Amino acid sequence: EGLKDLEMAIGYCAGEDEDEKAHLLADLETLKTKMKSLGMMTEWQMSEAALKKCEADKLMTQKKYEDACEKYTEVLEEEPKYMDCFANRVVALLCLKRFKEAIADCDVIIAHCQNVASALADGGVGELSQIMADSDD
């Protein structure tokens, strides 16, 4: 996830200088290649869905919101529980002033969070109080 965050930061912080963005993204790709060769990339990060998500993230930095929505949708068809894609698609939809669709995606995110919280509270993964206590260690 750190690489994704770095990629987004490059897109937003590199200003309008396309040469600078291209150089920084090339450096990032070199880093990804090195990490992959060292076995530091997960299967998800090397998957087709992850590559599509990276493409969508790049489209967002270029303010190509319609194209980004389409890419995020492709990812969600393969990985329907990938909440980062829903969240990013919400941002793109808001930029496109497609508010009803954005709200629908927010509803999916909220339902997912409620399901996770319910599973934790019901002891499906361990008592919530024990999990919270362990988080302080």
C-alpha atoms as a PDB file:
ATOM      1  CA  GLU A   1       0.000   0.000   0.000  1.00  0.00           C
ATOM      2  CA  GLY A   2       2.924   2.353   0.575  1.00  0.00           C
ATOM      3  CA  LEU A   3       3.860   2.221  -3.085  1.00  0.00           C
ATOM      4  CA  LYS A   4       0.305   3.127  -4.067  1.00  0.00           C
ATOM      5  CA  ASP A   5       0.377   6.084  -1.699  1.00  0.00           C
ATOM      6  CA  LEU A   6       3.732   7.188  -3.087  1.00  0.00           C
ATOM      7  CA  GLU A   7       2.396   6.944  -6.622  1.00  0.00           C
ATOM      8  CA  MET A   8      -0.611   9.092  -5.739  1.00  0.00           C
ATOM      9  CA  ALA A   9       1.629  11.620  -3.985  1.00  0.00           C
ATOM     10  CA  ILE A  10       3.820  11.872  -7.071  1.00  0.00           C
ATOM     11  CA  GLY A  11       0.758  12.570  -9.169  1.00  0.00           C
ATOM     12  CA  TYR A  12      -0.507  15.314  -6.887  1.00  0.00           C
ATOM     13  CA  CYS A  13       2.788  16.886  -5.789  1.00  0.00           C
ATOM     14  CA  ALA A  14       4.727  16.914  -9.042  1.00  0.00           C
ATOM     15  CA  GLY A  15       2.796  19.950 -10.275  1.00  0.00           C
ATOM     16  CA  GLU A  16       2.105  20.413 -13.931  1.00  0.00           C
ATOM     17  CA  ASP A  17       5.593  19.443 -15.112  1.00  0.00           C
ATOM     18  CA  GLU A  18       4.885  16.280 -17.110  1.00  0.00           C
ATOM     19  CA  ASP A  19       8.612  15.530 -17.542  1.00  0.00           C
ATOM     20  CA  GLU A  20       9.078  15.593 -13.777  1.00  0.00           C
ATOM     21  CA  LYS A  21       6.054  13.305 -13.270  1.00  0.00           C
ATOM     22  CA  ALA A  22       7.339  10.889 -15.918  1.00  0.00           C
ATOM     23  CA  HIS A  23      10.792  10.817 -14.301  1.00  0.00           C
ATOM     24  CA  LEU A  24       9.381  10.199 -10.809  1.00  0.00           C
ATOM     25  CA  LEU A  25       7.007   7.497 -12.077  1.00  0.00           C
ATOM     26  CA  ALA A  26       9.909   5.830 -13.916  1.00  0.00           C
ATOM     27  CA  ASP A  27      11.860   5.809 -10.646  1.00  0.00           C
ATOM     28  CA  LEU A  28       8.841   4.283  -8.915  1.00  0.00           C
ATOM     29  CA  GLU A  29       8.614   1.551 -11.571  1.00  0.00           C
ATOM     30  CA  THR A  30      12.329   0.820 -11.049  1.00  0.00           C
ATOM     31  CA  LEU A  31      11.654   0.478  -7.323  1.00  0.00           C
ATOM     32  CA  LYS A  32       8.702  -1.869  -7.963  1.00  0.00           C
ATOM     33  CA  THR A  33      10.831  -4.010 -10.278  1.00  0.00           C
ATOM     34  CA  LYS A  34      13.575  -4.257  -7.657  1.00  0.00           C
ATOM     35  CA  MET A  35      11.071  -5.123  -4.927  1.00  0.00           C
ATOM     36  CA  LYS A  36       9.519  -7.794  -7.135  1.00  0.00           C
ATOM     37  CA  SER A  37      12.940  -9.311  -7.840  1.00  0.00           C
ATOM     38  CA  LEU A  38      13.586  -9.472  -4.090  1.00  0.00           C
ATOM     39  CA  GLY A  39      10.232 -11.136  -3.449  1.00  0.00           C
ATOM     40  CA  MET A  40       8.849  -8.086  -1.672  1.00  0.00           C
ATOM     41  CA  MET A  41       5.722  -7.701  -3.846  1.00  0.00           C
ATOM     42  CA  THR A  42       2.603  -9.608  -2.875  1.00  0.00           C
ATOM     43  CA  GLU A  43       0.562 -11.617  -5.352  1.00  0.00           C
ATOM     44  CA  TRP A  44      -2.137  -8.929  -5.170  1.00  0.00           C
ATOM     45  CA  GLN A  45       0.333  -6.199  -6.113  1.00  0.00           C
ATOM     46  CA  MET A  46       1.381  -8.225  -9.169  1.00  0.00           C
ATOM     47  CA  SER A  47      -2.178  -9.141 -10.177  1.00  0.00           C
ATOM     48  CA  GLU A  48      -4.061  -7.848 -13.171  1.00  0.00           C
ATOM     49  CA  ALA A  49      -6.525  -6.083 -10.867  1.00  0.00           C
ATOM     50  CA  ALA A  50      -3.700  -4.264  -9.076  1.00  0.00           C
ATOM     51  CA  LEU A  51      -2.251  -3.093 -12.367  1.00  0.00           C
ATOM     52  CA  LYS A  52      -5.654  -1.780 -13.427  1.00  0.00           C
ATOM     53  CA  LYS A  53      -6.020   0.009 -10.096  1.00  0.00           C
ATOM     54  CA  CYS A  54      -2.645   1.674 -10.595  1.00  0.00           C
ATOM     55  CA  GLU A  55      -3.774   2.777 -14.046  1.00  0.00           C
ATOM     56  CA  ALA A  56      -6.963   4.210 -12.541  1.00  0.00           C
ATOM     57  CA  ASP A  57      -4.952   6.011  -9.856  1.00  0.00           C
ATOM     58  CA  LYS A  58      -2.759   7.564 -12.557  1.00  0.00           C
ATOM     59  CA  LEU A  59      -5.857   8.661 -14.468  1.00  0.00           C
ATOM     60  CA  MET A  60      -7.100  10.360 -11.301  1.00  0.00           C
ATOM     61  CA  THR A  61      -3.876  12.350 -11.003  1.00  0.00           C
ATOM     62  CA  GLN A  62      -4.370  13.424 -14.623  1.00  0.00           C
ATOM     63  CA  LYS A  63      -7.950  14.489 -13.819  1.00  0.00           C
ATOM     64  CA  LYS A  64      -9.340  11.949 -16.303  1.00  0.00           C
ATOM     65  CA  TYR A  65     -12.170  11.071 -13.973  1.00  0.00           C
ATOM     66  CA  GLU A  66     -14.438   9.276 -16.444  1.00  0.00           C
ATOM     67  CA  ASP A  67     -11.609   6.975 -17.537  1.00  0.00           C
ATOM     68  CA  ALA A  68     -10.632   6.408 -13.900  1.00  0.00           C
ATOM     69  CA  CYS A  69     -14.222   5.409 -13.037  1.00  0.00           C
ATOM     70  CA  GLU A  70     -14.179   2.849 -15.819  1.00  0.00           C
ATOM     71  CA  LYS A  71     -10.874   1.365 -14.606  1.00  0.00           C
ATOM     72  CA  TYR A  72     -12.034   1.225 -10.983  1.00  0.00           C
ATOM     73  CA  THR A  73     -15.190  -0.523 -12.175  1.00  0.00           C
ATOM     74  CA  GLU A  74     -13.061  -3.113 -14.001  1.00  0.00           C
ATOM     75  CA  VAL A  75     -11.096  -3.750 -10.811  1.00  0.00           C
ATOM     76  CA  LEU A  76     -14.279  -4.063  -8.760  1.00  0.00           C
ATOM     77  CA  GLU A  77     -15.652  -6.620 -11.201  1.00  0.00           C
ATOM     78  CA  GLU A  78     -12.591  -8.773 -10.391  1.00  0.00           C
ATOM     79  CA  GLU A  79     -12.220  -7.800  -6.710  1.00  0.00           C
ATOM     80  CA  PRO A  80     -15.689  -6.722  -5.468  1.00  0.00           C
ATOM     81  CA  LYS A  81     -14.568  -6.233  -1.873  1.00  0.00           C
ATOM     82  CA  TYR A  82     -11.653  -3.909  -2.615  1.00  0.00           C
ATOM     83  CA  MET A  83     -12.886  -0.877  -0.695  1.00  0.00           C
ATOM     84  CA  ASP A  84     -10.031   1.412  -1.788  1.00  0.00           C
ATOM     85  CA  CYS A  85     -11.383   1.180  -5.336  1.00  0.00           C
ATOM     86  CA  PHE A  86     -14.862   2.081  -4.152  1.00  0.00           C
ATOM     87  CA  ALA A  87     -13.464   5.047  -2.207  1.00  0.00           C
ATOM     88  CA  ASN A  88     -11.381   6.251  -5.133  1.00  0.00           C
ATOM     89  CA  ARG A  89     -14.319   5.827  -7.492  1.00  0.00           C
ATOM     90  CA  VAL A  90     -16.423   7.946  -5.108  1.00  0.00           C
ATOM     91  CA  VAL A  91     -13.910  10.772  -5.497  1.00  0.00           C
ATOM     92  CA  ALA A  92     -13.961  10.448  -9.284  1.00  0.00           C
ATOM     93  CA  LEU A  93     -17.769  10.372  -9.337  1.00  0.00           C
ATOM     94  CA  LEU A  94     -17.935  13.464  -7.140  1.00  0.00           C
ATOM     95  CA  CYS A  95     -15.564  15.275  -9.504  1.00  0.00           C
ATOM     96  CA  LEU A  96     -17.929  14.321 -12.330  1.00  0.00           C
ATOM     97  CA  LYS A  97     -20.897  15.556 -10.276  1.00  0.00           C
ATOM     98  CA  ARG A  98     -22.478  12.092 -10.417  1.00  0.00           C
ATOM     99  CA  PHE A  99     -23.699  12.308  -6.854  1.00  0.00           C
ATOM    100  CA  LYS A 100     -26.247   9.467  -6.810  1.00  0.00           C
ATOM    101  CA  GLU A 101     -23.631   6.994  -8.021  1.00  0.00           C
ATOM    102  CA  ALA A 102     -21.144   8.310  -5.447  1.00  0.00           C
ATOM    103  CA  ILE A 103     -23.708   7.848  -2.688  1.00  0.00           C
ATOM    104  CA  ALA A 104     -24.373   4.284  -3.864  1.00  0.00           C
ATOM    105  CA  ASP A 105     -20.645   3.495  -3.608  1.00  0.00           C
ATOM    106  CA  CYS A 106     -20.548   5.085  -0.141  1.00  0.00           C
ATOM    107  CA  ASP A 107     -23.418   2.800   0.875  1.00  0.00           C
ATOM    108  CA  VAL A 108     -21.358  -0.216  -0.226  1.00  0.00           C
ATOM    109  CA  ILE A 109     -18.385   0.988   1.839  1.00  0.00           C
ATOM    110  CA  ILE A 110     -20.562   1.631   4.899  1.00  0.00           C
ATOM    111  CA  ALA A 111     -22.221  -1.795   4.622  1.00  0.00           C
ATOM    112  CA  HIS A 112     -18.802  -3.443   4.372  1.00  0.00           C
ATOM    113  CA  CYS A 113     -17.537  -1.571   7.447  1.00  0.00           C
ATOM    114  CA  GLN A 114     -20.669  -2.551   9.374  1.00  0.00           C
ATOM    115  CA  ASN A 115     -20.161  -6.200   8.420  1.00  0.00           C
ATOM    116  CA  VAL A 116     -16.545  -6.099   9.581  1.00  0.00           C
ATOM    117  CA  ALA A 117     -17.471  -4.379  12.855  1.00  0.00           C
ATOM    118  CA  SER A 118     -20.284  -6.882  13.425  1.00  0.00           C
ATOM    119  CA  ALA A 119     -17.984  -9.832  12.835  1.00  0.00           C
ATOM    120  CA  LEU A 120     -15.495  -8.437  15.337  1.00  0.00           C
ATOM    121  CA  ALA A 121     -18.176  -7.666  17.928  1.00  0.00           C
ATOM    122  CA  ASP A 122     -19.800 -11.101  17.557  1.00  0.00           C
ATOM    123  CA  GLY A 123     -16.525 -12.807  18.331  1.00  0.00           C
ATOM    124  CA  GLY A 124     -16.081 -14.272  14.871  1.00  0.00           C
ATOM    125  CA  VAL A 125     -12.431 -13.292  14.911  1.00  0.00           C
ATOM    126  CA  GLY A 126     -11.996 -12.978  18.667  1.00  0.00           C
ATOM    127  CA  GLU A 127     -13.561 -10.866  21.359  1.00  0.00           C
ATOM    128  CA  LEU A 128     -13.502  -7.196  20.391  1.00  0.00           C
ATOM    129  CA  SER A 129     -12.312  -6.191  23.867  1.00  0.00           C
ATOM    130  CA  GLN A 130      -9.404  -8.633  23.604  1.00  0.00           C
ATOM    131  CA  ILE A 131      -8.493  -7.321  20.148  1.00  0.00           C
ATOM    132  CA  MET A 132      -8.571  -3.755  21.421  1.00  0.00           C
ATOM    133  CA  ALA A 133      -6.487  -4.726  24.453  1.00  0.00           C
ATOM    134  CA  ASP A 134      -3.952  -6.446  22.232  1.00  0.00           C
ATOM    135  CA  SER A 135      -3.645  -3.364  20.034  1.00  0.00           C
ATOM    136  CA  ASP A 136      -2.085  -1.473  22.941  1.00  0.00           C
ATOM    137  CA  ASP A 137       0.783  -3.976  23.217  1.00  0.00           C
END
